[in-house]
C-alpha cells in the first residue's frame, strides 16, 4: 500500500506543479460594437482632416513688391511663417503674400479672421486650394 500512496502523492504533486506553471486562460478581448463604431468614426474624421489640408491662406496681392515685403516682415516678426509668390494677370505681375503651410478651409478662415483683427493692414484674405 505504501507504493500506491507514494504514487498518488507523486501524481498529486505533478498536477499541483502543472497548475502552478500553467498560464491562466486568457479570454479574448471583446470590443463592444459601439467602441468599434467609435473607432471607425474617428478614423474617418482623421482621414478627412488629412485630406482637407489642401488650402493656403493668402493675405495680400499687390503689384508693389515693397508693400508685400513690409507686410511679410511684420508677420514674421510676430512669429508667422510666410512666403511671397507671384502670378501674372492681364500681363501684369502681382506679388502674393501667403502663410506657409496647408490648412483645412475652416482653419484658414479662422486664422484669416484672427490676422485681420490683429493687423490693420490686412483688410481681407483668400483661402486658395493648392493645385
C-alpha atoms as a PDB file:
ATOM      1  CA  UNK A   1       0.000   0.000   0.000  1.00  0.00           C
ATOM      2  CA  UNK A   2       2.865   2.334   0.570  1.00  0.00           C
ATOM      3  CA  UNK A   3       3.678   2.191  -3.117  1.00  0.00           C
ATOM      4  CA  UNK A   4       0.109   3.186  -4.065  1.00  0.00           C
ATOM      5  CA  UNK A   5       0.141   6.126  -1.635  1.00  0.00           C
ATOM      6  CA  UNK A   6       3.522   7.277  -2.912  1.00  0.00           C
ATOM      7  CA  UNK A   7       2.242   7.059  -6.473  1.00  0.00           C
ATOM      8  CA  UNK A   8      -0.876   9.087  -5.566  1.00  0.00           C
ATOM      9  CA  UNK A   9       1.323  11.612  -3.779  1.00  0.00           C
ATOM     10  CA  UNK A  10       3.630  11.907  -6.782  1.00  0.00           C
ATOM     11  CA  UNK A  11       0.679  12.353  -9.143  1.00  0.00           C
ATOM     12  CA  UNK A  12      -0.852  14.987  -6.846  1.00  0.00           C
ATOM     13  CA  UNK A  13       2.474  16.902  -6.699  1.00  0.00           C
ATOM     14  CA  UNK A  14       2.809  16.725 -10.506  1.00  0.00           C
ATOM     15  CA  UNK A  15      -0.708  18.073 -11.001  1.00  0.00           C
ATOM     16  CA  UNK A  16      -0.053  20.853  -8.493  1.00  0.00           C
ATOM     17  CA  UNK A  17       3.146  21.859 -10.304  1.00  0.00           C
ATOM     18  CA  UNK A  18       1.347  21.696 -13.646  1.00  0.00           C
ATOM     19  CA  UNK A  19      -1.400  24.031 -12.378  1.00  0.00           C
ATOM     20  CA  UNK A  20       1.120  26.455 -10.904  1.00  0.00           C
ATOM     21  CA  UNK A  21       3.161  26.674 -14.098  1.00  0.00           C
ATOM     22  CA  UNK A  22       0.203  26.941 -16.442  1.00  0.00           C
ATOM     23  CA  UNK A  23      -0.638  30.434 -17.564  1.00  0.00           C
ATOM     24  CA  UNK A  24      -4.140  31.491 -16.770  1.00  0.00           C
ATOM     25  CA  UNK A  25      -6.529  31.087 -19.637  1.00  0.00           C
ATOM     26  CA  UNK A  26      -6.802  34.411 -21.405  1.00  0.00           C
ATOM     27  CA  UNK A  27     -10.216  35.370 -22.513  1.00  0.00           C
ATOM     28  CA  UNK A  28     -10.336  37.109 -25.860  1.00  0.00           C
ATOM     29  CA  UNK A  29     -10.872  40.840 -25.544  1.00  0.00           C
ATOM     30  CA  UNK A  30     -14.378  41.644 -26.592  1.00  0.00           C
ATOM     31  CA  UNK A  31     -14.713  45.075 -28.100  1.00  0.00           C
ATOM     32  CA  UNK A  32     -18.228  46.318 -27.905  1.00  0.00           C
ATOM     33  CA  UNK A  33     -19.985  47.193 -31.110  1.00  0.00           C
ATOM     34  CA  UNK A  34     -20.220  50.833 -30.003  1.00  0.00           C
ATOM     35  CA  UNK A  35     -16.458  51.028 -29.445  1.00  0.00           C
ATOM     36  CA  UNK A  36     -15.775  49.640 -32.906  1.00  0.00           C
ATOM     37  CA  UNK A  37     -18.144  52.178 -34.446  1.00  0.00           C
ATOM     38  CA  UNK A  38     -16.477  55.000 -32.499  1.00  0.00           C
ATOM     39  CA  UNK A  39     -13.046  53.848 -33.680  1.00  0.00           C
ATOM     40  CA  UNK A  40     -14.217  53.743 -37.292  1.00  0.00           C
ATOM     41  CA  UNK A  41     -15.758  57.207 -36.984  1.00  0.00           C
ATOM     42  CA  UNK A  42     -12.530  58.628 -35.502  1.00  0.00           C
ATOM     43  CA  UNK A  43     -10.521  57.093 -38.348  1.00  0.00           C
ATOM     44  CA  UNK A  44     -12.871  58.727 -40.868  1.00  0.00           C
ATOM     45  CA  UNK A  45     -12.506  62.104 -39.154  1.00  0.00           C
ATOM     46  CA  UNK A  46      -8.707  61.809 -39.145  1.00  0.00           C
ATOM     47  CA  UNK A  47      -8.724  60.870 -42.827  1.00  0.00           C
ATOM     48  CA  UNK A  48     -10.920  63.872 -43.657  1.00  0.00           C
ATOM     49  CA  UNK A  49      -8.617  66.183 -41.697  1.00  0.00           C
ATOM     50  CA  UNK A  50      -5.602  64.978 -43.649  1.00  0.00           C
ATOM     51  CA  UNK A  51      -7.398  65.225 -46.984  1.00  0.00           C
ATOM     52  CA  UNK A  52      -8.796  68.696 -46.302  1.00  0.00           C
ATOM     53  CA  UNK A  53      -5.403  70.255 -45.568  1.00  0.00           C
ATOM     54  CA  UNK A  54      -5.035  71.340 -49.157  1.00  0.00           C
ATOM     55  CA  UNK A  55      -5.581  75.061 -48.756  1.00  0.00           C
ATOM     56  CA  UNK A  56      -3.338  78.084 -48.379  1.00  0.00           C
ATOM     57  CA  UNK A  57      -4.227  81.371 -46.747  1.00  0.00           C
ATOM     58  CA  UNK A  58      -3.474  84.394 -48.920  1.00  0.00           C
ATOM     59  CA  UNK A  59      -3.301  87.681 -47.069  1.00  0.00           C
ATOM     60  CA  UNK A  60      -2.473  90.178 -49.807  1.00  0.00           C
ATOM     61  CA  UNK A  61      -1.887  90.600 -53.528  1.00  0.00           C
ATOM     62  CA  UNK A  62      -0.164  93.728 -54.797  1.00  0.00           C
ATOM     63  CA  UNK A  63       1.733  94.982 -57.819  1.00  0.00           C
ATOM     64  CA  UNK A  64       4.167  96.755 -55.493  1.00  0.00           C
ATOM     65  CA  UNK A  65       6.733  94.267 -54.160  1.00  0.00           C
ATOM     66  CA  UNK A  66       7.954  96.626 -51.415  1.00  0.00           C
ATOM     67  CA  UNK A  67       4.482  96.768 -49.799  1.00  0.00           C
ATOM     68  CA  UNK A  68       4.266  92.973 -49.781  1.00  0.00           C
ATOM     69  CA  UNK A  69       7.736  92.755 -48.285  1.00  0.00           C
ATOM     70  CA  UNK A  70       6.788  95.172 -45.473  1.00  0.00           C
ATOM     71  CA  UNK A  71       3.744  93.018 -44.609  1.00  0.00           C
ATOM     72  CA  UNK A  72       5.869  89.876 -44.758  1.00  0.00           C
ATOM     73  CA  UNK A  73       8.358  91.339 -42.279  1.00  0.00           C
ATOM     74  CA  UNK A  74       5.572  92.374 -39.876  1.00  0.00           C
ATOM     75  CA  UNK A  75       4.101  88.891 -39.876  1.00  0.00           C
ATOM     76  CA  UNK A  76       7.484  87.209 -39.466  1.00  0.00           C
ATOM     77  CA  UNK A  77       8.318  89.475 -36.506  1.00  0.00           C
ATOM     78  CA  UNK A  78       5.122  88.188 -34.894  1.00  0.00           C
ATOM     79  CA  UNK A  79       6.066  84.556 -35.408  1.00  0.00           C
ATOM     80  CA  UNK A  80       4.214  83.736 -38.621  1.00  0.00           C
ATOM     81  CA  UNK A  81       5.887  81.744 -41.396  1.00  0.00           C
ATOM     82  CA  UNK A  82       5.018  83.494 -44.659  1.00  0.00           C
ATOM     83  CA  UNK A  83       6.021  83.344 -48.289  1.00  0.00           C
ATOM     84  CA  UNK A  84       5.775  85.547 -51.349  1.00  0.00           C
ATOM     85  CA  UNK A  85       4.614  84.065 -54.635  1.00  0.00           C
ATOM     86  CA  UNK A  86       3.939  85.668 -57.999  1.00  0.00           C
ATOM     87  CA  UNK A  87       1.215  85.441 -60.583  1.00  0.00           C
ATOM     88  CA  UNK A  88       0.635  87.152 -63.879  1.00  0.00           C
ATOM     89  CA  UNK A  89      -2.757  88.683 -64.609  1.00  0.00           C
ATOM     90  CA  UNK A  90      -3.558  90.728 -67.727  1.00  0.00           C
ATOM     91  CA  UNK A  91       0.168  90.928 -68.454  1.00  0.00           C
ATOM     92  CA  UNK A  92       0.965  92.406 -65.033  1.00  0.00           C
ATOM     93  CA  UNK A  93       2.905  90.696 -62.236  1.00  0.00           C
ATOM     94  CA  UNK A  94       1.230  90.502 -58.843  1.00  0.00           C
ATOM     95  CA  UNK A  95       3.026  89.576 -55.646  1.00  0.00           C
ATOM     96  CA  UNK A  96       1.006  87.429 -53.281  1.00  0.00           C
ATOM     97  CA  UNK A  97       1.625  87.098 -49.570  1.00  0.00           C
ATOM     98  CA  UNK A  98       0.625  83.713 -48.180  1.00  0.00           C
ATOM     99  CA  UNK A  99       1.111  81.875 -44.940  1.00  0.00           C
ATOM    100  CA  UNK A 100       3.402  78.889 -45.343  1.00  0.00           C
ATOM    101  CA  UNK A 101       1.768  75.544 -44.698  1.00  0.00           C
ATOM    102  CA  UNK A 102      -1.500  73.925 -45.584  1.00  0.00           C
ATOM    103  CA  UNK A 103      -4.821  74.264 -43.806  1.00  0.00           C
ATOM    104  CA  UNK A 104      -8.362  72.981 -43.856  1.00  0.00           C
ATOM    105  CA  UNK A 105     -10.844  75.581 -45.124  1.00  0.00           C
ATOM    106  CA  UNK A 106     -12.146  76.190 -41.594  1.00  0.00           C
ATOM    107  CA  UNK A 107      -8.630  76.551 -40.129  1.00  0.00           C
ATOM    108  CA  UNK A 108      -7.690  79.024 -42.861  1.00  0.00           C
ATOM    109  CA  UNK A 109     -10.828  81.125 -42.340  1.00  0.00           C
ATOM    110  CA  UNK A 110     -10.363  81.202 -38.574  1.00  0.00           C
ATOM    111  CA  UNK A 111      -6.730  82.247 -38.929  1.00  0.00           C
ATOM    112  CA  UNK A 112      -7.625  84.821 -41.587  1.00  0.00           C
ATOM    113  CA  UNK A 113     -10.144  86.461 -39.252  1.00  0.00           C
ATOM    114  CA  UNK A 114      -7.613  86.471 -36.416  1.00  0.00           C
ATOM    115  CA  UNK A 115      -4.997  88.157 -38.610  1.00  0.00           C
ATOM    116  CA  UNK A 116      -7.487  90.750 -39.891  1.00  0.00           C
ATOM    117  CA  UNK A 117      -8.226  91.781 -36.318  1.00  0.00           C
ATOM    118  CA  UNK A 118      -4.578  91.834 -35.278  1.00  0.00           C
ATOM    119  CA  UNK A 119      -3.078  93.590 -38.313  1.00  0.00           C
ATOM    120  CA  UNK A 120      -4.951  96.661 -39.625  1.00  0.00           C
ATOM    121  CA  UNK A 121      -3.138  96.456 -42.974  1.00  0.00           C
ATOM    122  CA  UNK A 122      -4.786  93.081 -43.664  1.00  0.00           C
ATOM    123  CA  UNK A 123      -8.293  94.027 -44.705  1.00  0.00           C
ATOM    124  CA  UNK A 124      -9.194  90.807 -46.499  1.00  0.00           C
ATOM    125  CA  UNK A 125      -7.864  87.303 -47.137  1.00  0.00           C
ATOM    126  CA  UNK A 126      -8.418  84.434 -49.550  1.00  0.00           C
ATOM    127  CA  UNK A 127      -8.494  80.722 -48.969  1.00  0.00           C
ATOM    128  CA  UNK A 128      -6.910  79.114 -52.023  1.00  0.00           C
ATOM    129  CA  UNK A 129      -6.950  75.415 -52.843  1.00  0.00           C
ATOM    130  CA  UNK A 130      -3.490  74.169 -53.763  1.00  0.00           C
ATOM    131  CA  UNK A 131      -3.317  72.696 -57.234  1.00  0.00           C
END
